[in-house]
Amino acid sequence: MITVSENWKSAFPSACFGVLLMQGVKNCIGNPGIESRKTRLEEELRNKHLGMSRKALLEDRSMALYENHFRKFGQGYPVLHQLETVALKGKPILSPSSLVAAMFMVELKNGFLTAGHDFEKVSPPMVLDVAEGNETYQSMGGKDRKLQRGDMFLSDRNGILSSVLYGPDNRSHITLETSLALFTVYGVPSLGAHELHRHLEEIEELVLTLSPGAARMELGVYP
């Protein structure tokens, strides 16, 4: 499904990238099972981080690893900001659909950078590569992006699907009509393949809560 470029292997020799492809998904808004799990997760995050500062959140290993990676590019880790919003400021987990909520909940719980795509809008083969700094695409919301040199990105025959720094594209994002869902997780150096694999299994579990009739087509970690 995915080709890993030699440039990516050379630039990130200890990093991994995971994919989960599921068919027969039925997306909606406000699925009771997902909403119940979401409420429970919000409570768990607030209890776990009660009285902590944003700085203290970085004591979490995965958050620290991603934050360090993003700082190399002059940015902060967006999932850390989202955790702060939910756990420290008491805001609810917001998402446009239950399928996206399932992905986002696990992303927030584990701290691993994750993206979702409607696989029927993807044109394989896909390639995992490292940006030279002249690649462009339209990210979620329709904003034009130019990749920073050294950024990780995933592309198909029609262009970039996602990058670490700027997130998923605007072409293949998950909608209420999505029935074939692709989830990807970018691992930074020092995160093991088994950790990414377990992360994707947790997403799969929540997708099955939403869609009991869904089925896994592929779950793998590269390279």
Protein backbone atom coordinates (compact mmCIF):
# COMPACT_ATOMS: atom_id res chain seq x y z
CA MET A 1 0.00 0.00 0.00
CA ILE A 2 2.84 2.39 0.86
CA THR A 3 6.36 2.88 -0.47
CA VAL A 4 8.85 4.36 1.98
CA SER A 5 11.45 6.51 0.22
CA GLU A 6 15.15 6.04 0.85
CA ASN A 7 15.31 9.72 1.84
CA TRP A 8 12.76 9.09 4.60
CA LYS A 9 14.64 6.05 5.86
CA SER A 10 17.87 8.04 5.90
CA ALA A 11 16.37 11.11 7.60
CA PHE A 12 14.38 9.17 10.21
CA PRO A 13 16.11 5.81 10.70
CA SER A 14 14.43 5.13 14.05
CA ALA A 15 10.93 6.39 13.14
CA CYS A 16 7.86 4.43 12.03
CA PHE A 17 4.60 5.16 10.23
CA GLY A 18 1.36 3.23 10.77
CA VAL A 19 -1.77 2.69 8.68
CA LEU A 20 -5.21 1.25 9.39
CA LEU A 21 -7.70 0.70 6.58
CA MET A 22 -11.30 -0.22 7.44
CA GLN A 23 -14.24 -0.95 5.14
CA GLY A 24 -17.98 -0.95 5.80
CA VAL A 25 -17.82 2.07 8.08
CA LYS A 26 -21.05 3.96 8.74
CA ASN A 27 -20.34 7.52 9.83
CA CYS A 28 -22.79 9.82 11.59
CA ILE A 29 -23.05 12.65 14.12
CA GLY A 30 -23.61 11.94 17.80
CA ASN A 31 -23.34 8.16 17.94
CA PRO A 32 -24.40 7.18 21.52
CA GLY A 33 -21.54 4.72 22.00
CA ILE A 34 -18.92 7.22 20.88
CA GLU A 35 -20.49 10.04 22.90
CA SER A 36 -20.42 7.90 26.03
CA ARG A 37 -16.76 6.99 25.52
CA LYS A 38 -15.96 10.61 24.78
CA THR A 39 -17.51 11.81 28.05
CA ARG A 40 -15.60 9.13 29.94
CA LEU A 41 -12.31 10.12 28.29
CA GLU A 42 -12.84 13.80 29.07
CA GLU A 43 -13.34 12.92 32.75
CA GLU A 44 -10.28 10.66 32.79
CA LEU A 45 -8.05 13.33 31.23
CA ARG A 46 -9.25 15.99 33.66
CA ASN A 47 -8.76 13.74 36.67
CA LYS A 48 -5.32 12.64 35.47
CA HIS A 49 -4.08 16.18 34.87
CA LEU A 50 -5.93 17.97 37.67
CA GLY A 51 -4.00 21.02 38.84
CA MET A 52 -1.22 20.58 36.28
CA SER A 53 0.30 23.31 34.14
CA ARG A 54 0.85 23.14 30.40
CA LYS A 55 4.55 22.65 31.10
CA ALA A 56 3.74 19.68 33.33
CA LEU A 57 1.87 18.00 30.45
CA LEU A 58 5.24 17.65 28.74
CA GLU A 59 6.27 15.13 31.37
CA ASP A 60 4.28 12.69 29.26
CA ARG A 61 6.83 10.85 27.11
CA SER A 62 4.95 10.92 23.81
CA MET A 63 3.97 14.59 24.16
CA ALA A 64 7.58 15.49 24.90
CA LEU A 65 8.89 13.55 21.89
CA TYR A 66 6.46 15.23 19.49
CA GLU A 67 6.95 18.67 21.03
CA ASN A 68 10.72 18.35 20.59
CA HIS A 69 10.22 17.33 16.96
CA PHE A 70 7.91 20.28 16.23
CA ARG A 71 10.25 22.74 18.00
CA LYS A 72 12.94 21.91 15.44
CA PHE A 73 10.65 23.60 12.90
CA GLY A 74 9.76 26.54 15.15
CA GLN A 75 6.30 25.18 16.00
CA GLY A 76 4.50 23.70 18.99
CA TYR A 77 2.77 20.34 18.97
CA PRO A 78 -0.95 20.93 18.24
CA VAL A 79 -2.13 17.80 20.10
CA LEU A 80 -0.49 19.16 23.25
CA HIS A 81 -2.54 22.34 22.85
CA GLN A 82 -5.70 20.27 22.34
CA LEU A 83 -4.96 18.25 25.48
CA GLU A 84 -4.51 21.47 27.41
CA THR A 85 -7.87 22.73 26.13
CA VAL A 86 -9.74 19.58 27.19
CA ALA A 87 -7.88 18.55 30.35
CA LEU A 88 -6.89 21.89 31.88
CA LYS A 89 -9.53 24.29 30.54
CA GLY A 90 -12.48 21.89 30.73
CA LYS A 91 -13.56 22.27 27.11
CA PRO A 92 -15.36 19.36 25.39
CA ILE A 93 -13.81 17.24 22.65
CA LEU A 94 -15.22 18.64 19.42
CA SER A 95 -15.37 16.89 16.05
CA PRO A 96 -17.43 17.11 12.83
CA SER A 97 -18.53 13.45 12.98
CA SER A 98 -18.39 10.34 15.13
CA LEU A 99 -15.75 8.70 12.93
CA VAL A 100 -13.42 11.68 13.30
CA ALA A 101 -14.21 11.75 17.03
CA ALA A 102 -13.09 8.12 17.37
CA MET A 103 -9.75 8.95 15.78
CA PHE A 104 -9.29 12.18 17.72
CA MET A 105 -10.10 10.56 21.07
CA VAL A 106 -7.32 8.01 20.68
CA GLU A 107 -4.94 10.69 19.39
CA LEU A 108 -5.63 12.77 22.50
CA LYS A 109 -5.34 9.78 24.84
CA ASN A 110 -2.00 8.55 23.47
CA GLY A 111 -0.56 11.78 22.10
CA PHE A 112 0.35 10.24 18.71
CA LEU A 113 -0.10 12.42 15.61
CA THR A 114 -2.94 10.86 13.57
CA ALA A 115 -4.79 11.68 10.34
CA GLY A 116 -7.93 10.28 8.73
CA HIS A 117 -8.85 10.01 5.05
CA ASP A 118 -11.70 8.80 2.88
CA PHE A 119 -9.82 6.09 1.00
CA GLU A 120 -12.18 6.30 -1.98
CA LYS A 121 -10.69 9.76 -2.58
CA VAL A 122 -7.13 8.44 -2.47
CA SER A 123 -5.25 7.31 -5.59
CA PRO A 124 -2.67 4.67 -4.64
CA PRO A 125 0.17 3.95 -4.58
CA MET A 126 1.10 6.13 -1.63
CA VAL A 127 4.61 7.31 -0.85
CA LEU A 128 6.09 8.32 2.51
CA ASP A 129 8.79 10.92 1.93
CA VAL A 130 10.75 13.90 3.26
CA ALA A 131 10.06 17.40 1.95
CA GLU A 132 12.66 19.32 -0.01
CA GLY A 133 10.83 22.54 0.80
CA ASN A 134 9.15 23.27 -2.54
CA GLU A 135 6.14 20.92 -2.26
CA THR A 136 2.68 22.47 -1.94
CA TYR A 137 -0.84 21.30 -1.17
CA GLN A 138 -4.16 22.48 0.23
CA SER A 139 -4.62 21.55 3.88
CA MET A 140 -7.92 21.13 5.74
CA GLY A 141 -10.07 24.23 5.41
CA GLY A 142 -8.66 25.03 1.98
CA LYS A 143 -5.45 26.78 3.09
CA ASP A 144 -2.52 26.61 0.68
CA ARG A 145 0.60 25.19 2.30
CA LYS A 146 4.25 25.01 1.28
CA LEU A 147 6.12 22.28 3.11
CA GLN A 148 9.16 23.06 5.21
CA ARG A 149 12.34 21.30 4.25
CA GLY A 150 12.70 18.13 6.31
CA ASP A 151 8.99 17.68 7.06
CA MET A 152 7.53 14.17 6.75
CA PHE A 153 4.68 13.81 4.26
CA LEU A 154 2.47 11.20 2.61
CA SER A 155 1.37 11.53 -1.02
CA ASP A 156 -0.57 9.63 -3.67
CA ARG A 157 -0.71 10.00 -7.46
CA ASN A 158 -2.71 13.23 -7.14
CA GLY A 159 -0.59 15.03 -4.57
CA ILE A 160 0.08 15.34 -0.87
CA LEU A 161 -2.34 13.64 1.54
CA SER A 162 -0.83 14.93 4.78
CA SER A 163 2.28 16.30 6.43
CA VAL A 164 3.45 16.28 10.02
CA LEU A 165 3.54 20.06 10.36
CA TYR A 166 0.38 20.99 8.45
CA GLY A 167 -1.91 17.98 8.82
CA PRO A 168 -4.28 16.26 6.36
CA ASP A 169 -5.26 17.61 2.97
CA ASN A 170 -8.58 19.12 1.96
CA ARG A 171 -9.15 16.62 -0.86
CA SER A 172 -9.47 13.31 0.98
CA HIS A 173 -10.80 14.25 4.41
CA ILE A 174 -13.42 12.08 6.14
CA THR A 175 -17.07 13.05 5.61
CA LEU A 176 -20.44 11.66 6.68
CA GLU A 177 -20.45 9.64 3.44
CA THR A 178 -17.13 7.92 4.17
CA SER A 179 -17.43 4.12 4.21
CA LEU A 180 -13.80 3.19 3.46
CA ALA A 181 -11.62 4.88 6.07
CA LEU A 182 -7.83 5.21 6.16
CA PHE A 183 -6.14 6.22 9.41
CA THR A 184 -2.44 7.04 9.52
CA VAL A 185 -0.12 7.77 12.43
CA TYR A 186 3.22 9.55 12.14
CA GLY A 187 5.72 8.24 14.66
CA VAL A 188 8.66 10.40 15.66
CA PRO A 189 12.06 8.87 16.51
CA SER A 190 12.07 6.82 19.75
CA LEU A 191 8.43 5.71 19.42
CA GLY A 192 8.36 1.96 18.79
CA ALA A 193 6.47 0.14 16.07
CA HIS A 194 4.51 -1.80 18.70
CA GLU A 195 3.29 1.50 20.19
CA LEU A 196 1.95 2.69 16.83
CA HIS A 197 0.37 -0.72 16.22
CA ARG A 198 -1.45 -0.60 19.56
CA HIS A 199 -2.57 2.97 18.86
CA LEU A 200 -4.21 1.88 15.60
CA GLU A 201 -5.85 -1.08 17.33
CA GLU A 202 -7.45 1.35 19.77
CA ILE A 203 -8.82 3.39 16.86
CA GLU A 204 -10.14 0.18 15.32
CA GLU A 205 -11.89 -0.68 18.58
CA LEU A 206 -13.71 2.67 18.61
CA VAL A 207 -14.60 2.44 14.92
CA LEU A 208 -16.24 -0.92 15.68
CA THR A 209 -18.18 0.76 18.49
CA LEU A 210 -19.51 3.16 15.88
CA SER A 211 -19.86 0.55 13.11
CA PRO A 212 -20.07 -3.06 14.37
CA GLY A 213 -20.24 -4.28 10.79
CA ALA A 214 -16.97 -2.63 9.75
CA ALA A 215 -13.92 -4.77 9.02
CA ARG A 216 -10.17 -4.29 8.96
CA MET A 217 -8.58 -4.47 5.52
CA GLU A 218 -5.06 -3.66 6.63
CA LEU A 219 -3.15 -2.69 9.75
CA GLY A 220 0.56 -2.21 9.32
CA VAL A 221 3.60 -0.27 10.48
CA TYR A 222 6.30 0.89 8.06
CA PRO A 223 9.11 0.52 7.16
